[in-house]
């Protein structure tokens, strides 16, 4: 709901890192996927998958769709998304 990706220290349960916020680029984030040094965030309301570089913490658009995107997965070199109308290979 806050439009933020947060990292917590499990020992102290304190927030260590926050990317985004109420005026964030992450609009209704739903699904997350980690691929090496990248975090992919599915944003249903904006119809986008956004990619966060976990080394530099920069955020870029990865894919844009014509309907809400709920989940992204990658199996070997094959990428799939779950949209309102079904599952698609991209």
PDB file of N, CA and C in Angstrom:
ATOM      1  N   UNK A   1       0.810  -1.201   0.000  1.00  0.00           N
ATOM      2  CA  UNK A   1       0.000   0.000   0.000  1.00  0.00           C
ATOM      3  C   UNK A   1       0.849   1.259   0.000  1.00  0.00           C
ATOM      4  N   UNK A   2       2.038   1.187   0.540  1.00  0.00           N
ATOM      5  CA  UNK A   2       2.899   2.363   0.587  1.00  0.00           C
ATOM      6  C   UNK A   2       3.674   2.561  -0.699  1.00  0.00           C
ATOM      7  N   UNK A   3       3.648   1.601  -1.604  1.00  0.00           N
ATOM      8  CA  UNK A   3       4.401   1.724  -2.838  1.00  0.00           C
ATOM      9  C   UNK A   3       5.898   1.682  -2.625  1.00  0.00           C
ATOM     10  N   UNK A   4       6.336   0.916  -1.634  1.00  0.00           N
ATOM     11  CA  UNK A   4       7.762   0.863  -1.311  1.00  0.00           C
ATOM     12  C   UNK A   4       8.234  -0.579  -1.198  1.00  0.00           C
ATOM     13  N   UNK A   5       9.488  -0.780  -1.546  1.00  0.00           N
ATOM     14  CA  UNK A   5      10.165  -2.040  -1.322  1.00  0.00           C
ATOM     15  C   UNK A   5      11.076  -1.794  -0.121  1.00  0.00           C
ATOM     16  N   UNK A   6      10.977  -2.650   0.886  1.00  0.00           N
ATOM     17  CA  UNK A   6      11.752  -2.442   2.117  1.00  0.00           C
ATOM     18  C   UNK A   6      12.600  -3.668   2.424  1.00  0.00           C
ATOM     19  N   UNK A   7      13.764  -3.426   3.014  1.00  0.00           N
ATOM     20  CA  UNK A   7      14.620  -4.506   3.506  1.00  0.00           C
ATOM     21  C   UNK A   7      14.766  -4.317   5.012  1.00  0.00           C
ATOM     22  N   UNK A   8      14.538  -5.413   5.737  1.00  0.00           N
ATOM     23  CA  UNK A   8      14.629  -5.381   7.196  1.00  0.00           C
ATOM     24  C   UNK A   8      15.805  -6.210   7.674  1.00  0.00           C
ATOM     25  N   UNK A   9      16.406  -5.791   8.769  1.00  0.00           N
ATOM     26  CA  UNK A   9      17.412  -6.570   9.466  1.00  0.00           C
ATOM     27  C   UNK A   9      16.646  -7.572  10.327  1.00  0.00           C
ATOM     28  N   UNK A  10      16.831  -8.859  10.111  1.00  0.00           N
ATOM     29  CA  UNK A  10      16.060  -9.873  10.825  1.00  0.00           C
ATOM     30  C   UNK A  10      16.411  -9.956  12.310  1.00  0.00           C
ATOM     31  N   UNK A  11      17.610  -9.549  12.672  1.00  0.00           N
ATOM     32  CA  UNK A  11      17.974  -9.556  14.099  1.00  0.00           C
ATOM     33  C   UNK A  11      17.319  -8.417  14.861  1.00  0.00           C
ATOM     34  N   UNK A  12      17.323  -7.239  14.269  1.00  0.00           N
ATOM     35  CA  UNK A  12      16.791  -6.067  14.974  1.00  0.00           C
ATOM     36  C   UNK A  12      15.362  -5.735  14.573  1.00  0.00           C
ATOM     37  N   UNK A  13      14.901  -6.292  13.460  1.00  0.00           N
ATOM     38  CA  UNK A  13      13.582  -6.011  12.882  1.00  0.00           C
ATOM     39  C   UNK A  13      13.404  -4.521  12.570  1.00  0.00           C
ATOM     40  N   UNK A  14      14.512  -3.856  12.243  1.00  0.00           N
ATOM     41  CA  UNK A  14      14.473  -2.463  11.827  1.00  0.00           C
ATOM     42  C   UNK A  14      14.679  -2.389  10.325  1.00  0.00           C
ATOM     43  N   UNK A  15      14.030  -1.421   9.731  1.00  0.00           N
ATOM     44  CA  UNK A  15      14.167  -1.187   8.305  1.00  0.00           C
ATOM     45  C   UNK A  15      15.581  -0.702   8.003  1.00  0.00           C
ATOM     46  N   UNK A  16      16.246  -1.371   7.021  1.00  0.00           N
ATOM     47  CA  UNK A  16      17.599  -0.981   6.622  1.00  0.00           C
ATOM     48  C   UNK A  16      17.598  -0.186   5.324  1.00  0.00           C
ATOM     49  N   UNK A  17      16.630  -0.475   4.462  1.00  0.00           N
ATOM     50  CA  UNK A  17      16.611   0.143   3.139  1.00  0.00           C
ATOM     51  C   UNK A  17      15.172   0.292   2.687  1.00  0.00           C
ATOM     52  N   UNK A  18      14.863   1.418   2.064  1.00  0.00           N
ATOM     53  CA  UNK A  18      13.532   1.653   1.487  1.00  0.00           C
ATOM     54  C   UNK A  18      13.727   2.240   0.096  1.00  0.00           C
ATOM     55  N   UNK A  19      13.046   1.642  -0.886  1.00  0.00           N
ATOM     56  CA  UNK A  19      13.041   2.169  -2.250  1.00  0.00           C
ATOM     57  C   UNK A  19      11.599   2.525  -2.559  1.00  0.00           C
ATOM     58  N   UNK A  20      11.337   3.772  -2.835  1.00  0.00           N
ATOM     59  CA  UNK A  20       9.985   4.225  -3.132  1.00  0.00           C
ATOM     60  C   UNK A  20       9.294   4.773  -1.902  1.00  0.00           C
ATOM     61  N   UNK A  21       7.993   4.993  -2.031  1.00  0.00           N
ATOM     62  CA  UNK A  21       7.176   5.553  -0.963  1.00  0.00           C
ATOM     63  C   UNK A  21       5.803   5.887  -1.505  1.00  0.00           C
ATOM     64  N   UNK A  22       5.050   6.697  -0.805  1.00  0.00           N
ATOM     65  CA  UNK A  22       3.672   7.006  -1.206  1.00  0.00           C
ATOM     66  C   UNK A  22       3.580   7.605  -2.613  1.00  0.00           C
ATOM     67  N   UNK A  23       4.528   8.411  -3.009  1.00  0.00           N
ATOM     68  CA  UNK A  23       4.534   9.009  -4.350  1.00  0.00           C
ATOM     69  C   UNK A  23       5.462   8.215  -5.278  1.00  0.00           C
ATOM     70  N   UNK A  24       5.554   6.925  -5.029  1.00  0.00           N
ATOM     71  CA  UNK A  24       6.519   6.056  -5.685  1.00  0.00           C
ATOM     72  C   UNK A  24       6.115   5.682  -7.097  1.00  0.00           C
ATOM     73  N   UNK A  25       7.090   5.191  -7.820  1.00  0.00           N
ATOM     74  CA  UNK A  25       6.874   4.596  -9.124  1.00  0.00           C
ATOM     75  C   UNK A  25       6.180   3.236  -9.011  1.00  0.00           C
ATOM     76  N   UNK A  26       6.255   2.591  -7.834  1.00  0.00           N
ATOM     77  CA  UNK A  26       5.607   1.291  -7.627  1.00  0.00           C
ATOM     78  C   UNK A  26       4.131   1.529  -7.325  1.00  0.00           C
ATOM     79  N   UNK A  27       3.267   1.219  -8.288  1.00  0.00           N
ATOM     80  CA  UNK A  27       1.832   1.441  -8.133  1.00  0.00           C
ATOM     81  C   UNK A  27       1.149   0.092  -7.927  1.00  0.00           C
ATOM     82  N   UNK A  28       0.672  -0.147  -6.709  1.00  0.00           N
ATOM     83  CA  UNK A  28       0.008  -1.396  -6.353  1.00  0.00           C
ATOM     84  C   UNK A  28       0.912  -2.598  -6.631  1.00  0.00           C
ATOM     85  N   UNK A  29       2.113  -2.641  -6.025  1.00  0.00           N
ATOM     86  CA  UNK A  29       3.024  -3.767  -6.260  1.00  0.00           C
ATOM     87  C   UNK A  29       2.413  -5.081  -5.777  1.00  0.00           C
ATOM     88  N   UNK A  30       2.584  -6.131  -6.573  1.00  0.00           N
ATOM     89  CA  UNK A  30       1.986  -7.432  -6.282  1.00  0.00           C
ATOM     90  C   UNK A  30       3.024  -8.537  -6.206  1.00  0.00           C
ATOM     91  N   UNK A  31       3.636  -8.869  -7.332  1.00  0.00           N
ATOM     92  CA  UNK A  31       4.572  -9.981  -7.378  1.00  0.00           C
ATOM     93  C   UNK A  31       6.011  -9.518  -7.432  1.00  0.00           C
ATOM     94  N   UNK A  32       6.892 -10.283  -6.799  1.00  0.00           N
ATOM     95  CA  UNK A  32       8.325  -9.993  -6.809  1.00  0.00           C
ATOM     96  C   UNK A  32       9.083 -11.191  -7.368  1.00  0.00           C
ATOM     97  N   UNK A  33      10.194 -10.935  -8.037  1.00  0.00           N
ATOM     98  CA  UNK A  33      11.052 -11.991  -8.559  1.00  0.00           C
ATOM     99  C   UNK A  33      12.488 -11.500  -8.489  1.00  0.00           C
ATOM    100  N   UNK A  34      13.386 -12.303  -7.979  1.00  0.00           N
ATOM    101  CA  UNK A  34      14.804 -11.952  -7.926  1.00  0.00           C
ATOM    102  C   UNK A  34      15.536 -12.740  -8.997  1.00  0.00           C
ATOM    103  N   UNK A  35      16.299 -12.025  -9.809  1.00  0.00           N
ATOM    104  CA  UNK A  35      17.084 -12.626 -10.878  1.00  0.00           C
ATOM    105  C   UNK A  35      18.495 -12.055 -10.771  1.00  0.00           C
ATOM    106  N   UNK A  36      19.362 -12.755 -10.047  1.00  0.00           N
ATOM    107  CA  UNK A  36      20.729 -12.281  -9.846  1.00  0.00           C
ATOM    108  C   UNK A  36      20.745 -11.004  -9.028  1.00  0.00           C
ATOM    109  N   UNK A  37      21.267  -9.944  -9.617  1.00  0.00           N
ATOM    110  CA  UNK A  37      21.356  -8.651  -8.936  1.00  0.00           C
ATOM    111  C   UNK A  37      20.155  -7.757  -9.228  1.00  0.00           C
ATOM    112  N   UNK A  38      19.059  -8.345  -9.685  1.00  0.00           N
ATOM    113  CA  UNK A  38      17.888  -7.553 -10.049  1.00  0.00           C
ATOM    114  C   UNK A  38      16.638  -8.065  -9.349  1.00  0.00           C
ATOM    115  N   UNK A  39      15.807  -7.132  -8.933  1.00  0.00           N
ATOM    116  CA  UNK A  39      14.505  -7.423  -8.345  1.00  0.00           C
ATOM    117  C   UNK A  39      13.456  -6.919  -9.312  1.00  0.00           C
ATOM    118  N   UNK A  40      12.565  -7.801  -9.751  1.00  0.00           N
ATOM    119  CA  UNK A  40      11.497  -7.409 -10.656  1.00  0.00           C
ATOM    120  C   UNK A  40      10.213  -7.274  -9.852  1.00  0.00           C
ATOM    121  N   UNK A  41       9.527  -6.153 -10.035  1.00  0.00           N
ATOM    122  CA  UNK A  41       8.332  -5.821  -9.276  1.00  0.00           C
ATOM    123  C   UNK A  41       7.159  -5.681 -10.241  1.00  0.00           C
ATOM    124  N   UNK A  42       6.128  -6.493 -10.039  1.00  0.00           N
ATOM    125  CA  UNK A  42       4.913  -6.416 -10.856  1.00  0.00           C
ATOM    126  C   UNK A  42       3.966  -5.407 -10.226  1.00  0.00           C
ATOM    127  N   UNK A  43       3.614  -4.378 -10.982  1.00  0.00           N
ATOM    128  CA  UNK A  43       2.740  -3.313 -10.490  1.00  0.00           C
ATOM    129  C   UNK A  43       1.414  -3.378 -11.247  1.00  0.00           C
ATOM    130  N   UNK A  44       0.396  -3.885 -10.571  1.00  0.00           N
ATOM    131  CA  UNK A  44      -0.883  -4.158 -11.221  1.00  0.00           C
ATOM    132  C   UNK A  44      -1.540  -2.899 -11.778  1.00  0.00           C
ATOM    133  N   UNK A  45      -1.608  -1.839 -10.992  1.00  0.00           N
ATOM    134  CA  UNK A  45      -2.353  -0.650 -11.415  1.00  0.00           C
ATOM    135  C   UNK A  45      -1.687   0.090 -12.567  1.00  0.00           C
ATOM    136  N   UNK A  46      -0.357   0.092 -12.623  1.00  0.00           N
ATOM    137  CA  UNK A  46       0.335   0.788 -13.716  1.00  0.00           C
ATOM    138  C   UNK A  46       0.571  -0.121 -14.920  1.00  0.00           C
ATOM    139  N   UNK A  47       0.253  -1.417 -14.781  1.00  0.00           N
ATOM    140  CA  UNK A  47       0.409  -2.410 -15.861  1.00  0.00           C
ATOM    141  C   UNK A  47       1.870  -2.607 -16.252  1.00  0.00           C
ATOM    142  N   UNK A  48       2.781  -2.432 -15.296  1.00  0.00           N
ATOM    143  CA  UNK A  48       4.210  -2.518 -15.600  1.00  0.00           C
ATOM    144  C   UNK A  48       4.920  -3.545 -14.725  1.00  0.00           C
ATOM    145  N   UNK A  49       6.022  -4.037 -15.267  1.00  0.00           N
ATOM    146  CA  UNK A  49       7.036  -4.711 -14.461  1.00  0.00           C
ATOM    147  C   UNK A  49       8.193  -3.734 -14.399  1.00  0.00           C
ATOM    148  N   UNK A  50       8.632  -3.439 -13.179  1.00  0.00           N
ATOM    149  CA  UNK A  50       9.760  -2.549 -13.003  1.00  0.00           C
ATOM    150  C   UNK A  50      10.927  -3.355 -12.448  1.00  0.00           C
ATOM    151  N   UNK A  51      12.121  -2.931 -12.793  1.00  0.00           N
ATOM    152  CA  UNK A  51      13.308  -3.672 -12.399  1.00  0.00           C
ATOM    153  C   UNK A  51      14.189  -2.777 -11.526  1.00  0.00           C
ATOM    154  N   UNK A  52      14.601  -3.335 -10.386  1.00  0.00           N
ATOM    155  CA  UNK A  52      15.451  -2.626  -9.436  1.00  0.00           C
ATOM    156  C   UNK A  52      16.825  -3.275  -9.477  1.00  0.00           C
ATOM    157  N   UNK A  53      17.845  -2.480  -9.749  1.00  0.00           N
ATOM    158  CA  UNK A  53      19.216  -2.957  -9.692  1.00  0.00           C
ATOM    159  C   UNK A  53      19.607  -2.998  -8.220  1.00  0.00           C
ATOM    160  N   UNK A  54      19.878  -4.170  -7.675  1.00  0.00           N
ATOM    161  CA  UNK A  54      20.159  -4.319  -6.247  1.00  0.00           C
ATOM    162  C   UNK A  54      21.562  -3.864  -5.849  1.00  0.00           C
ATOM    163  N   UNK A  55      22.372  -3.491  -6.819  1.00  0.00           N
ATOM    164  CA  UNK A  55      23.692  -2.928  -6.509  1.00  0.00           C
ATOM    165  C   UNK A  55      23.636  -1.405  -6.460  1.00  0.00           C
ATOM    166  N   UNK A  56      22.887  -0.804  -7.389  1.00  0.00           N
ATOM    167  CA  UNK A  56      22.828   0.658  -7.470  1.00  0.00           C
ATOM    168  C   UNK A  56      21.503   1.220  -6.948  1.00  0.00           C
ATOM    169  N   UNK A  57      20.503   0.357  -6.772  1.00  0.00           N
ATOM    170  CA  UNK A  57      19.152   0.722  -6.322  1.00  0.00           C
ATOM    171  C   UNK A  57      18.437   1.658  -7.285  1.00  0.00           C
ATOM    172  N   UNK A  58      18.809   1.590  -8.554  1.00  0.00           N
ATOM    173  CA  UNK A  58      18.090   2.346  -9.573  1.00  0.00           C
ATOM    174  C   UNK A  58      16.876   1.539 -10.027  1.00  0.00           C
ATOM    175  N   UNK A  59      15.830   2.240 -10.469  1.00  0.00           N
ATOM    176  CA  UNK A  59      14.577   1.611 -10.891  1.00  0.00           C
ATOM    177  C   UNK A  59      14.300   2.014 -12.335  1.00  0.00           C
ATOM    178  N   UNK A  60      13.967   1.022 -13.153  1.00  0.00           N
ATOM    179  CA  UNK A  60      13.620   1.271 -14.557  1.00  0.00           C
ATOM    180  C   UNK A  60      12.406   0.436 -14.927  1.00  0.00           C
ATOM    181  N   UNK A  61      11.684   0.865 -15.967  1.00  0.00           N
ATOM    182  CA  UNK A  61      10.604   0.054 -16.513  1.00  0.00           C
ATOM    183  C   UNK A  61      11.218  -1.113 -17.276  1.00  0.00           C
ATOM    184  N   UNK A  62      10.667  -2.309 -17.070  1.00  0.00           N
ATOM    185  CA  UNK A  62      11.153  -3.519 -17.732  1.00  0.00           C
ATOM    186  C   UNK A  62      10.201  -3.919 -18.855  1.00  0.00           C
ATOM    187  N   UNK A  63       8.903  -3.993 -18.567  1.00  0.00           N
ATOM    188  CA  UNK A  63       7.863  -4.302 -19.548  1.00  0.00           C
ATOM    189  C   UNK A  63       6.603  -3.545 -19.163  1.00  0.00           C
ATOM    190  N   UNK A  64       5.827  -3.137 -20.176  1.00  0.00           N
ATOM    191  CA  UNK A  64       4.528  -2.510 -19.959  1.00  0.00           C
ATOM    192  C   UNK A  64       3.489  -3.314 -20.717  1.00  0.00           C
ATOM    193  N   UNK A  65       2.337  -3.524 -20.085  1.00  0.00           N
ATOM    194  CA  UNK A  65       1.262  -4.330 -20.667  1.00  0.00           C
ATOM    195  C   UNK A  65      -0.011  -3.491 -20.772  1.00  0.00           C
ATOM    196  N   UNK A  66      -1.029  -4.028 -21.425  1.00  0.00           N
ATOM    197  CA  UNK A  66      -2.299  -3.319 -21.585  1.00  0.00           C
ATOM    198  C   UNK A  66      -3.298  -3.666 -20.489  1.00  0.00           C
ATOM    199  N   UNK A  67      -2.890  -4.472 -19.526  1.00  0.00           N
ATOM    200  CA  UNK A  67      -3.761  -4.869 -18.427  1.00  0.00           C
ATOM    201  C   UNK A  67      -2.910  -5.126 -17.191  1.00  0.00           C
ATOM    202  N   UNK A  68      -3.531  -5.277 -16.030  1.00  0.00           N
ATOM    203  CA  UNK A  68      -2.759  -5.505 -14.799  1.00  0.00           C
ATOM    204  C   UNK A  68      -1.851  -6.726 -14.906  1.00  0.00           C
ATOM    205  N   UNK A  69      -0.648  -6.575 -14.372  1.00  0.00           N
ATOM    206  CA  UNK A  69       0.327  -7.673 -14.326  1.00  0.00           C
ATOM    207  C   UNK A  69       0.491  -8.066 -12.860  1.00  0.00           C
ATOM    208  N   UNK A  70       0.324  -9.362 -12.592  1.00  0.00           N
ATOM    209  CA  UNK A  70       0.302  -9.862 -11.215  1.00  0.00           C
ATOM    210  C   UNK A  70       1.561 -10.613 -10.813  1.00  0.00           C
ATOM    211  N   UNK A  71       2.188 -11.318 -11.761  1.00  0.00           N
ATOM    212  CA  UNK A  71       3.361 -12.117 -11.409  1.00  0.00           C
ATOM    213  C   UNK A  71       4.257 -12.291 -12.628  1.00  0.00           C
ATOM    214  N   UNK A  72       5.549 -12.378 -12.372  1.00  0.00           N
ATOM    215  CA  UNK A  72       6.565 -12.637 -13.386  1.00  0.00           C
ATOM    216  C   UNK A  72       7.408 -13.794 -12.878  1.00  0.00           C
ATOM    217  N   UNK A  73       7.736 -14.724 -13.764  1.00  0.00           N
ATOM    218  CA  UNK A  73       8.696 -15.773 -13.409  1.00  0.00           C
ATOM    219  C   UNK A  73       9.607 -16.023 -14.608  1.00  0.00           C
ATOM    220  N   UNK A  74      10.804 -16.520 -14.298  1.00  0.00           N
ATOM    221  CA  UNK A  74      11.768 -16.856 -15.339  1.00  0.00           C
ATOM    222  C   UNK A  74      12.255 -18.263 -15.078  1.00  0.00           C
ATOM    223  N   UNK A  75      12.154 -19.114 -16.096  1.00  0.00           N
ATOM    224  CA  UNK A  75      12.632 -20.489 -16.018  1.00  0.00           C
ATOM    225  C   UNK A  75      13.640 -20.661 -17.146  1.00  0.00           C
ATOM    226  N   UNK A  76      14.917 -20.837 -16.751  1.00  0.00           N
ATOM    227  CA  UNK A  76      16.024 -20.846 -17.717  1.00  0.00           C
ATOM    228  C   UNK A  76      15.982 -19.530 -18.492  1.00  0.00           C
ATOM    229  N   UNK A  77      15.816 -19.554 -19.792  1.00  0.00           N
ATOM    230  CA  UNK A  77      15.749 -18.311 -20.561  1.00  0.00           C
ATOM    231  C   UNK A  77      14.313 -17.925 -20.922  1.00  0.00           C
ATOM    232  N   UNK A  78      13.330 -18.641 -20.382  1.00  0.00           N
ATOM    233  CA  UNK A  78      11.922 -18.379 -20.697  1.00  0.00           C
ATOM    234  C   UNK A  78      11.284 -17.508 -19.618  1.00  0.00           C
ATOM    235  N   UNK A  79      10.608 -16.445 -20.060  1.00  0.00           N
ATOM    236  CA  UNK A  79       9.956 -15.515 -19.143  1.00  0.00           C
ATOM    237  C   UNK A  79       8.448 -15.615 -19.306  1.00  0.00           C
ATOM    238  N   UNK A  80       7.730 -15.587 -18.180  1.00  0.00           N
ATOM    239  CA  UNK A  80       6.278 -15.698 -18.187  1.00  0.00           C
ATOM    240  C   UNK A  80       5.675 -14.616 -17.300  1.00  0.00           C
ATOM    241  N   UNK A  81       4.476 -14.165 -17.663  1.00  0.00           N
ATOM    242  CA  UNK A  81       3.752 -13.204 -16.835  1.00  0.00           C
ATOM    243  C   UNK A  81       2.325 -13.689 -16.635  1.00  0.00           C
ATOM    244  N   UNK A  82       1.773 -13.344 -15.473  1.00  0.00           N
ATOM    245  CA  UNK A  82       0.371 -13.584 -15.191  1.00  0.00           C
ATOM    246  C   UNK A  82      -0.357 -12.248 -15.276  1.00  0.00           C
ATOM    247  N   UNK A  83      -1.240 -12.133 -16.255  1.00  0.00           N
ATOM    248  CA  UNK A  83      -2.066 -10.955 -16.443  1.00  0.00           C
ATOM    249  C   UNK A  83      -3.504 -11.301 -16.098  1.00  0.00           C
ATOM    250  N   UNK A  84      -4.407 -10.349 -16.125  1.00  0.00           N
ATOM    251  CA  UNK A  84      -5.819 -10.622 -15.863  1.00  0.00           C
ATOM    252  C   UNK A  84      -6.382 -11.662 -16.821  1.00  0.00           C
ATOM    253  N   UNK A  85      -5.930 -11.633 -18.084  1.00  0.00           N
ATOM    254  CA  UNK A  85      -6.495 -12.522 -19.095  1.00  0.00           C
ATOM    255  C   UNK A  85      -5.800 -13.874 -19.210  1.00  0.00           C
ATOM    256  N   UNK A  86      -4.732 -14.110 -18.442  1.00  0.00           N
ATOM    257  CA  UNK A  86      -4.077 -15.406 -18.489  1.00  0.00           C
ATOM    258  C   UNK A  86      -2.577 -15.329 -18.308  1.00  0.00           C
ATOM    259  N   UNK A  87      -1.915 -16.462 -18.585  1.00  0.00           N
ATOM    260  CA  UNK A  87      -0.459 -16.586 -18.461  1.00  0.00           C
ATOM    261  C   UNK A  87       0.126 -16.500 -19.860  1.00  0.00           C
ATOM    262  N   UNK A  88       1.180 -15.692 -20.023  1.00  0.00           N
ATOM    263  CA  UNK A  88       1.795 -15.477 -21.329  1.00  0.00           C
ATOM    264  C   UNK A  88       3.303 -15.616 -21.231  1.00  0.00           C
ATOM    265  N   UNK A  89       3.897 -16.149 -22.312  1.00  0.00           N
ATOM    266  CA  UNK A  89       5.354 -16.179 -22.445  1.00  0.00           C
ATOM    267  C   UNK A  89       5.760 -14.875 -23.121  1.00  0.00           C
ATOM    268  N   UNK A  90       6.780 -14.221 -22.562  1.00  0.00           N
ATOM    269  CA  UNK A  90       7.232 -12.965 -23.177  1.00  0.00           C
ATOM    270  C   UNK A  90       8.657 -13.124 -23.696  1.00  0.00           C
TER     271      UNK A  90
END
